[in-house]
PDB file of N, CA and C in Angstrom:
ATOM      1  N   MET A   1      35.422  19.664  49.387  1.00  0.00           N
ATOM      2  CA  MET A   1      35.623  19.102  48.078  1.00  0.00           C
ATOM      3  C   MET A   1      34.531  18.068  47.854  1.00  0.00           C
ATOM      4  N   SER A   2      33.780  18.245  46.818  1.00  0.00           N
ATOM      5  CA  SER A   2      32.730  17.286  46.529  1.00  0.00           C
ATOM      6  C   SER A   2      33.289  16.142  45.693  1.00  0.00           C
ATOM      7  N   LEU A   3      32.530  15.076  45.649  1.00  0.00           N
ATOM      8  CA  LEU A   3      32.942  13.942  44.826  1.00  0.00           C
ATOM      9  C   LEU A   3      32.924  14.338  43.359  1.00  0.00           C
ATOM     10  N   PRO A   4      33.770  13.705  42.560  1.00  0.00           N
ATOM     11  CA  PRO A   4      33.789  14.046  41.133  1.00  0.00           C
ATOM     12  C   PRO A   4      32.473  13.677  40.461  1.00  0.00           C
ATOM     13  N   THR A   5      32.143  14.408  39.409  1.00  0.00           N
ATOM     14  CA  THR A   5      30.960  14.071  38.622  1.00  0.00           C
ATOM     15  C   THR A   5      31.198  12.729  37.942  1.00  0.00           C
ATOM     16  N   SER A   6      30.150  12.144  37.406  1.00  0.00           N
ATOM     17  CA  SER A   6      30.316  10.845  36.761  1.00  0.00           C
ATOM     18  C   SER A   6      31.266  10.941  35.565  1.00  0.00           C
ATOM     19  N   GLU A   7      31.241  12.072  34.861  1.00  0.00           N
ATOM     20  CA  GLU A   7      32.162  12.259  33.731  1.00  0.00           C
ATOM     21  C   GLU A   7      33.608  12.324  34.225  1.00  0.00           C
ATOM     22  N   GLN A   8      33.831  13.080  35.311  1.00  0.00           N
ATOM     23  CA  GLN A   8      35.184  13.176  35.868  1.00  0.00           C
ATOM     24  C   GLN A   8      35.634  11.816  36.403  1.00  0.00           C
ATOM     25  N   GLN A   9      34.734  11.105  37.071  1.00  0.00           N
ATOM     26  CA  GLN A   9      35.075   9.783  37.608  1.00  0.00           C
ATOM     27  C   GLN A   9      35.439   8.826  36.484  1.00  0.00           C
ATOM     28  N   SER A  10      34.724   8.931  35.388  1.00  0.00           N
ATOM     29  CA  SER A  10      35.013   8.086  34.232  1.00  0.00           C
ATOM     30  C   SER A  10      36.425   8.356  33.708  1.00  0.00           C
ATOM     31  N   LEU A  11      36.810   9.627  33.660  1.00  0.00           N
ATOM     32  CA  LEU A  11      38.163   9.979  33.211  1.00  0.00           C
ATOM     33  C   LEU A  11      39.220   9.440  34.163  1.00  0.00           C
ATOM     34  N   ILE A  12      38.927   9.509  35.454  1.00  0.00           N
ATOM     35  CA  ILE A  12      39.868   8.991  36.451  1.00  0.00           C
ATOM     36  C   ILE A  12      40.004   7.478  36.301  1.00  0.00           C
ATOM     37  N   ASP A  13      38.878   6.798  36.135  1.00  0.00           N
ATOM     38  CA  ASP A  13      38.886   5.337  36.054  1.00  0.00           C
ATOM     39  C   ASP A  13      39.514   4.816  34.773  1.00  0.00           C
ATOM     40  N   THR A  14      39.427   5.563  33.693  1.00  0.00           N
ATOM     41  CA  THR A  14      39.915   5.068  32.400  1.00  0.00           C
ATOM     42  C   THR A  14      41.285   5.630  32.017  1.00  0.00           C
ATOM     43  N   PHE A  15      41.947   6.335  32.936  1.00  0.00           N
ATOM     44  CA  PHE A  15      43.258   6.906  32.633  1.00  0.00           C
ATOM     45  C   PHE A  15      44.215   5.810  32.199  1.00  0.00           C
ATOM     46  N   ASP A  16      44.861   6.007  31.086  1.00  0.00           N
ATOM     47  CA  ASP A  16      45.834   5.060  30.543  1.00  0.00           C
ATOM     48  C   ASP A  16      47.187   5.771  30.482  1.00  0.00           C
ATOM     49  N   ALA A  17      48.080   5.395  31.382  1.00  0.00           N
ATOM     50  CA  ALA A  17      49.372   6.067  31.488  1.00  0.00           C
ATOM     51  C   ALA A  17      50.182   5.972  30.192  1.00  0.00           C
ATOM     52  N   GLU A  18      50.169   4.823  29.560  1.00  0.00           N
ATOM     53  CA  GLU A  18      50.957   4.653  28.336  1.00  0.00           C
ATOM     54  C   GLU A  18      50.414   5.522  27.201  1.00  0.00           C
ATOM     55  N   GLU A  19      49.104   5.554  27.063  1.00  0.00           N
ATOM     56  CA  GLU A  19      48.503   6.383  26.015  1.00  0.00           C
ATOM     57  C   GLU A  19      48.770   7.866  26.289  1.00  0.00           C
ATOM     58  N   TYR A  20      48.639   8.262  27.549  1.00  0.00           N
ATOM     59  CA  TYR A  20      48.906   9.648  27.928  1.00  0.00           C
ATOM     60  C   TYR A  20      50.347  10.020  27.600  1.00  0.00           C
ATOM     61  N   LEU A  21      51.278   9.175  28.003  1.00  0.00           N
ATOM     62  CA  LEU A  21      52.696   9.450  27.752  1.00  0.00           C
ATOM     63  C   LEU A  21      52.969   9.537  26.256  1.00  0.00           C
ATOM     64  N   ASP A  22      52.387   8.638  25.491  1.00  0.00           N
ATOM     65  CA  ASP A  22      52.591   8.664  24.047  1.00  0.00           C
ATOM     66  C   ASP A  22      52.112   9.979  23.428  1.00  0.00           C
ATOM     67  N   HIS A  23      51.052  10.554  23.987  1.00  0.00           N
ATOM     68  CA  HIS A  23      50.492  11.787  23.429  1.00  0.00           C
ATOM     69  C   HIS A  23      51.223  13.057  23.882  1.00  0.00           C
ATOM     70  N   VAL A  24      51.724  13.074  25.112  1.00  0.00           N
ATOM     71  CA  VAL A  24      52.259  14.338  25.633  1.00  0.00           C
ATOM     72  C   VAL A  24      53.781  14.407  25.754  1.00  0.00           C
ATOM     73  N   ALA A  25      54.469  13.305  25.676  1.00  0.00           N
ATOM     74  CA  ALA A  25      55.917  13.299  25.925  1.00  0.00           C
ATOM     75  C   ALA A  25      56.662  14.283  25.038  1.00  0.00           C
ATOM     76  N   TYR A  26      56.360  14.293  23.759  1.00  0.00           N
ATOM     77  CA  TYR A  26      57.090  15.175  22.855  1.00  0.00           C
ATOM     78  C   TYR A  26      56.882  16.642  23.217  1.00  0.00           C
ATOM     79  N   PHE A  27      55.676  16.989  23.637  1.00  0.00           N
ATOM     80  CA  PHE A  27      55.380  18.383  23.963  1.00  0.00           C
ATOM     81  C   PHE A  27      56.035  18.819  25.268  1.00  0.00           C
ATOM     82  N   LEU A  28      56.332  17.866  26.122  1.00  0.00           N
ATOM     83  CA  LEU A  28      56.962  18.197  27.395  1.00  0.00           C
ATOM     84  C   LEU A  28      58.483  18.275  27.294  1.00  0.00           C
ATOM     85  N   THR A  29      59.077  17.367  26.530  1.00  0.00           N
ATOM     86  CA  THR A  29      60.537  17.283  26.521  1.00  0.00           C
ATOM     87  C   THR A  29      61.161  17.297  25.138  1.00  0.00           C
ATOM     88  N   GLY A  30      60.361  17.371  24.109  1.00  0.00           N
ATOM     89  CA  GLY A  30      60.898  17.204  22.768  1.00  0.00           C
ATOM     90  C   GLY A  30      61.045  15.718  22.511  1.00  0.00           C
ATOM     91  N   PRO A  31      61.987  15.318  21.686  1.00  0.00           N
ATOM     92  CA  PRO A  31      62.157  13.882  21.443  1.00  0.00           C
ATOM     93  C   PRO A  31      62.376  13.149  22.773  1.00  0.00           C
ATOM     94  N   PHE A  32      61.549  12.151  23.015  1.00  0.00           N
ATOM     95  CA  PHE A  32      61.552  11.455  24.316  1.00  0.00           C
ATOM     96  C   PHE A  32      62.603  10.359  24.323  1.00  0.00           C
ATOM     97  N   ASP A  33      63.417  10.336  25.357  1.00  0.00           N
ATOM     98  CA  ASP A  33      64.452   9.318  25.512  1.00  0.00           C
ATOM     99  C   ASP A  33      63.801   8.056  26.082  1.00  0.00           C
ATOM    100  N   SER A  34      63.782   7.001  25.304  1.00  0.00           N
ATOM    101  CA  SER A  34      63.084   5.773  25.698  1.00  0.00           C
ATOM    102  C   SER A  34      63.671   5.126  26.958  1.00  0.00           C
ATOM    103  N   ARG A  35      64.880   5.495  27.347  1.00  0.00           N
ATOM    104  CA  ARG A  35      65.468   4.939  28.580  1.00  0.00           C
ATOM    105  C   ARG A  35      64.668   5.345  29.810  1.00  0.00           C
ATOM    106  N   TYR A  36      63.918   6.447  29.717  1.00  0.00           N
ATOM    107  CA  TYR A  36      63.170   6.942  30.864  1.00  0.00           C
ATOM    108  C   TYR A  36      61.716   6.479  30.872  1.00  0.00           C
ATOM    109  N   ARG A  37      61.293   5.807  29.813  1.00  0.00           N
ATOM    110  CA  ARG A  37      59.876   5.471  29.646  1.00  0.00           C
ATOM    111  C   ARG A  37      59.310   4.676  30.831  1.00  0.00           C
ATOM    112  N   GLU A  38      59.964   3.614  31.241  1.00  0.00           N
ATOM    113  CA  GLU A  38      59.428   2.778  32.323  1.00  0.00           C
ATOM    114  C   GLU A  38      59.301   3.556  33.639  1.00  0.00           C
ATOM    115  N   GLY A  39      60.291   4.383  33.947  1.00  0.00           N
ATOM    116  CA  GLY A  39      60.236   5.180  35.168  1.00  0.00           C
ATOM    117  C   GLY A  39      59.121   6.209  35.127  1.00  0.00           C
ATOM    118  N   VAL A  40      58.951   6.863  33.976  1.00  0.00           N
ATOM    119  CA  VAL A  40      57.891   7.852  33.820  1.00  0.00           C
ATOM    120  C   VAL A  40      56.531   7.171  33.920  1.00  0.00           C
ATOM    121  N   LEU A  41      56.393   6.012  33.280  1.00  0.00           N
ATOM    122  CA  LEU A  41      55.129   5.269  33.367  1.00  0.00           C
ATOM    123  C   LEU A  41      54.816   4.875  34.807  1.00  0.00           C
ATOM    124  N   MET A  42      55.830   4.451  35.548  1.00  0.00           N
ATOM    125  CA  MET A  42      55.622   4.084  36.945  1.00  0.00           C
ATOM    126  C   MET A  42      55.132   5.297  37.751  1.00  0.00           C
ATOM    127  N   ASN A  43      55.726   6.458  37.506  1.00  0.00           N
ATOM    128  CA  ASN A  43      55.299   7.669  38.216  1.00  0.00           C
ATOM    129  C   ASN A  43      53.881   8.080  37.829  1.00  0.00           C
ATOM    130  N   LEU A  44      53.526   7.969  36.552  1.00  0.00           N
ATOM    131  CA  LEU A  44      52.163   8.304  36.121  1.00  0.00           C
ATOM    132  C   LEU A  44      51.142   7.354  36.733  1.00  0.00           C
ATOM    133  N   LYS A  45      51.481   6.084  36.809  1.00  0.00           N
ATOM    134  CA  LYS A  45      50.573   5.105  37.417  1.00  0.00           C
ATOM    135  C   LYS A  45      50.424   5.362  38.912  1.00  0.00           C
ATOM    136  N   THR A  46      51.501   5.753  39.569  1.00  0.00           N
ATOM    137  CA  THR A  46      51.427   6.107  40.988  1.00  0.00           C
ATOM    138  C   THR A  46      50.546   7.335  41.185  1.00  0.00           C
ATOM    139  N   ALA A  47      50.709   8.341  40.332  1.00  0.00           N
ATOM    140  CA  ALA A  47      49.882   9.550  40.425  1.00  0.00           C
ATOM    141  C   ALA A  47      48.419   9.223  40.189  1.00  0.00           C
ATOM    142  N   SER A  48      48.134   8.332  39.265  1.00  0.00           N
ATOM    143  CA  SER A  48      46.755   7.921  38.996  1.00  0.00           C
ATOM    144  C   SER A  48      46.170   7.202  40.210  1.00  0.00           C
ATOM    145  N   PHE A  49      46.934   6.320  40.817  1.00  0.00           N
ATOM    146  CA  PHE A  49      46.494   5.605  42.016  1.00  0.00           C
ATOM    147  C   PHE A  49      46.183   6.588  43.145  1.00  0.00           C
ATOM    148  N   MET A  50      47.066   7.568  43.346  1.00  0.00           N
ATOM    149  CA  MET A  50      46.864   8.560  44.404  1.00  0.00           C
ATOM    150  C   MET A  50      45.637   9.414  44.111  1.00  0.00           C
ATOM    151  N   ALA A  51      45.434   9.802  42.857  1.00  0.00           N
ATOM    152  CA  ALA A  51      44.277  10.622  42.479  1.00  0.00           C
ATOM    153  C   ALA A  51      42.982   9.881  42.782  1.00  0.00           C
ATOM    154  N   LYS A  52      42.939   8.584  42.494  1.00  0.00           N
ATOM    155  CA  LYS A  52      41.738   7.802  42.796  1.00  0.00           C
ATOM    156  C   LYS A  52      41.438   7.821  44.292  1.00  0.00           C
ATOM    157  N   LYS A  53      42.467   7.711  45.119  1.00  0.00           N
ATOM    158  CA  LYS A  53      42.283   7.750  46.581  1.00  0.00           C
ATOM    159  C   LYS A  53      41.788   9.123  47.041  1.00  0.00           C
ATOM    160  N   VAL A  54      42.387  10.184  46.514  1.00  0.00           N
ATOM    161  CA  VAL A  54      42.015  11.543  46.914  1.00  0.00           C
ATOM    162  C   VAL A  54      40.584  11.860  46.501  1.00  0.00           C
ATOM    163  N   PHE A  55      40.234  11.558  45.262  1.00  0.00           N
ATOM    164  CA  PHE A  55      38.908  11.899  44.770  1.00  0.00           C
ATOM    165  C   PHE A  55      37.820  11.001  45.336  1.00  0.00           C
ATOM    166  N   ALA A  56      38.185   9.912  46.010  1.00  0.00           N
ATOM    167  CA  ALA A  56      37.191   9.033  46.620  1.00  0.00           C
ATOM    168  C   ALA A  56      36.678   9.587  47.946  1.00  0.00           C
ATOM    169  N   VAL A  57      37.347  10.583  48.494  1.00  0.00           N
ATOM    170  CA  VAL A  57      36.981  11.148  49.795  1.00  0.00           C
ATOM    171  C   VAL A  57      36.095  12.371  49.593  1.00  0.00           C
ATOM    172  N   GLN A  58      34.986  12.390  50.310  1.00  0.00           N
ATOM    173  CA  GLN A  58      34.108  13.557  50.237  1.00  0.00           C
ATOM    174  C   GLN A  58      34.307  14.396  51.503  1.00  0.00           C
ATOM    175  N   LEU A  59      34.584  15.656  51.323  1.00  0.00           N
ATOM    176  CA  LEU A  59      34.787  16.575  52.439  1.00  0.00           C
ATOM    177  C   LEU A  59      33.647  17.575  52.465  1.00  0.00           C
ATOM    178  N   ASP A  60      33.188  17.897  53.668  1.00  0.00           N
ATOM    179  CA  ASP A  60      32.162  18.934  53.743  1.00  0.00           C
ATOM    180  C   ASP A  60      32.828  20.274  54.039  1.00  0.00           C
ATOM    181  N   GLN A  61      32.041  21.330  54.004  1.00  0.00           N
ATOM    182  CA  GLN A  61      32.581  22.700  54.130  1.00  0.00           C
ATOM    183  C   GLN A  61      33.347  22.927  55.434  1.00  0.00           C
ATOM    184  N   GLY A  62      32.902  22.321  56.547  1.00  0.00           N
ATOM    185  CA  GLY A  62      33.514  22.630  57.836  1.00  0.00           C
ATOM    186  C   GLY A  62      34.523  21.620  58.321  1.00  0.00           C
ATOM    187  N   CYS A  63      34.996  20.727  57.470  1.00  0.00           N
ATOM    188  CA  CYS A  63      35.861  19.648  57.946  1.00  0.00           C
ATOM    189  C   CYS A  63      37.334  20.040  58.065  1.00  0.00           C
ATOM    190  N   CYS A  64      37.729  21.128  57.442  1.00  0.00           N
ATOM    191  CA  CYS A  64      39.149  21.455  57.403  1.00  0.00           C
ATOM    192  C   CYS A  64      39.373  22.932  57.724  1.00  0.00           C
ATOM    193  N   ASP A  65      40.467  23.191  58.392  1.00  0.00           N
ATOM    194  CA  ASP A  65      40.882  24.577  58.604  1.00  0.00           C
ATOM    195  C   ASP A  65      41.826  24.935  57.465  1.00  0.00           C
ATOM    196  N   LEU A  66      41.477  25.969  56.746  1.00  0.00           N
ATOM    197  CA  LEU A  66      42.335  26.395  55.646  1.00  0.00           C
ATOM    198  C   LEU A  66      43.497  27.221  56.177  1.00  0.00           C
ATOM    199  N   ALA A  67      44.614  27.130  55.525  1.00  0.00           N
ATOM    200  CA  ALA A  67      45.782  27.903  55.919  1.00  0.00           C
ATOM    201  C   ALA A  67      45.517  29.387  55.659  1.00  0.00           C
ATOM    202  N   GLY A  68      46.075  30.214  56.497  1.00  0.00           N
ATOM    203  CA  GLY A  68      45.944  31.651  56.307  1.00  0.00           C
ATOM    204  C   GLY A  68      46.612  32.104  55.021  1.00  0.00           C
ATOM    205  N   VAL A  69      46.211  33.235  54.561  1.00  0.00           N
ATOM    206  CA  VAL A  69      46.774  33.798  53.333  1.00  0.00           C
ATOM    207  C   VAL A  69      47.594  35.020  53.704  1.00  0.00           C
ATOM    208  N   PHE A  70      48.821  35.086  53.232  1.00  0.00           N
ATOM    209  CA  PHE A  70      49.676  36.240  53.502  1.00  0.00           C
ATOM    210  C   PHE A  70      49.129  37.452  52.772  1.00  0.00           C
ATOM    211  N   ARG A  71      48.937  38.532  53.509  1.00  0.00           N
ATOM    212  CA  ARG A  71      48.502  39.788  52.926  1.00  0.00           C
ATOM    213  C   ARG A  71      49.498  40.859  53.372  1.00  0.00           C
ATOM    214  N   PRO A  72      50.283  41.385  52.452  1.00  0.00           N
ATOM    215  CA  PRO A  72      51.275  42.385  52.837  1.00  0.00           C
ATOM    216  C   PRO A  72      50.600  43.662  53.320  1.00  0.00           C
ATOM    217  N   VAL A  73      51.201  44.287  54.303  1.00  0.00           N
ATOM    218  CA  VAL A  73      50.708  45.566  54.809  1.00  0.00           C
ATOM    219  C   VAL A  73      51.859  46.549  54.799  1.00  0.00           C
ATOM    220  N   GLU A  74      51.511  47.804  54.795  1.00  0.00           N
ATOM    221  CA  GLU A  74      52.537  48.835  54.810  1.00  0.00           C
ATOM    222  C   GLU A  74      53.199  48.866  56.180  1.00  0.00           C
ATOM    223  N   ALA A  75      54.518  48.958  56.193  1.00  0.00           N
ATOM    224  CA  ALA A  75      55.254  48.985  57.452  1.00  0.00           C
ATOM    225  C   ALA A  75      55.025  50.315  58.161  1.00  0.00           C
ATOM    226  N   ASP A  76      54.908  50.250  59.480  1.00  0.00           N
ATOM    227  CA  ASP A  76      54.807  51.482  60.260  1.00  0.00           C
ATOM    228  C   ASP A  76      56.070  51.622  61.108  1.00  0.00           C
ATOM    229  N   GLU A  77      56.178  52.715  61.847  1.00  0.00           N
ATOM    230  CA  GLU A  77      57.385  52.986  62.640  1.00  0.00           C
ATOM    231  C   GLU A  77      57.669  51.857  63.634  1.00  0.00           C
ATOM    232  N   ALA A  78      56.629  51.321  64.278  1.00  0.00           N
ATOM    233  CA  ALA A  78      56.830  50.280  65.290  1.00  0.00           C
ATOM    234  C   ALA A  78      57.419  49.013  64.674  1.00  0.00           C
ATOM    235  N   SER A  79      56.970  48.664  63.492  1.00  0.00           N
ATOM    236  CA  SER A  79      57.471  47.423  62.890  1.00  0.00           C
ATOM    237  C   SER A  79      58.862  47.594  62.298  1.00  0.00           C
ATOM    238  N   LEU A  80      59.345  48.829  62.208  1.00  0.00           N
ATOM    239  CA  LEU A  80      60.670  49.077  61.659  1.00  0.00           C
ATOM    240  C   LEU A  80      61.746  49.191  62.738  1.00  0.00           C
ATOM    241  N   SER A  81      61.372  48.948  64.008  1.00  0.00           N
ATOM    242  CA  SER A  81      62.361  49.088  65.086  1.00  0.00           C
ATOM    243  C   SER A  81      63.442  48.021  64.930  1.00  0.00           C
ATOM    244  N   GLU A  82      64.570  48.279  65.498  1.00  0.00           N
ATOM    245  CA  GLU A  82      65.706  47.373  65.403  1.00  0.00           C
ATOM    246  C   GLU A  82      65.790  46.453  66.623  1.00  0.00           C
ATOM    247  N   ASP A  83      64.696  46.303  67.364  1.00  0.00           N
ATOM    248  CA  ASP A  83      64.714  45.502  68.588  1.00  0.00           C
ATOM    249  C   ASP A  83      64.355  44.032  68.343  1.00  0.00           C
ATOM    250  N   PHE A  84      64.630  43.518  67.188  1.00  0.00           N
ATOM    251  CA  PHE A  84      64.272  42.114  66.895  1.00  0.00           C
ATOM    252  C   PHE A  84      65.216  41.196  67.569  1.00  0.00           C
TER     253      PHE A  84
END
């Protein structure tokens, strides 16, 4: 994972949780219940803090082992035995 571009970094640095919530809340839940506003803002601010930490780390191609990907195969007679 490379470091974010300057444009992406600018977006990360200038994220405003309150402005974001004001713009998207209705589209996510319909009329937004103001009783949840402070909790949602706290979660958005936490996510922003975590994103800044994650995007601050530069990883090179060989630093991590990626998890395997499941690829289904056709069952054969041996795999269908009842000796499990």
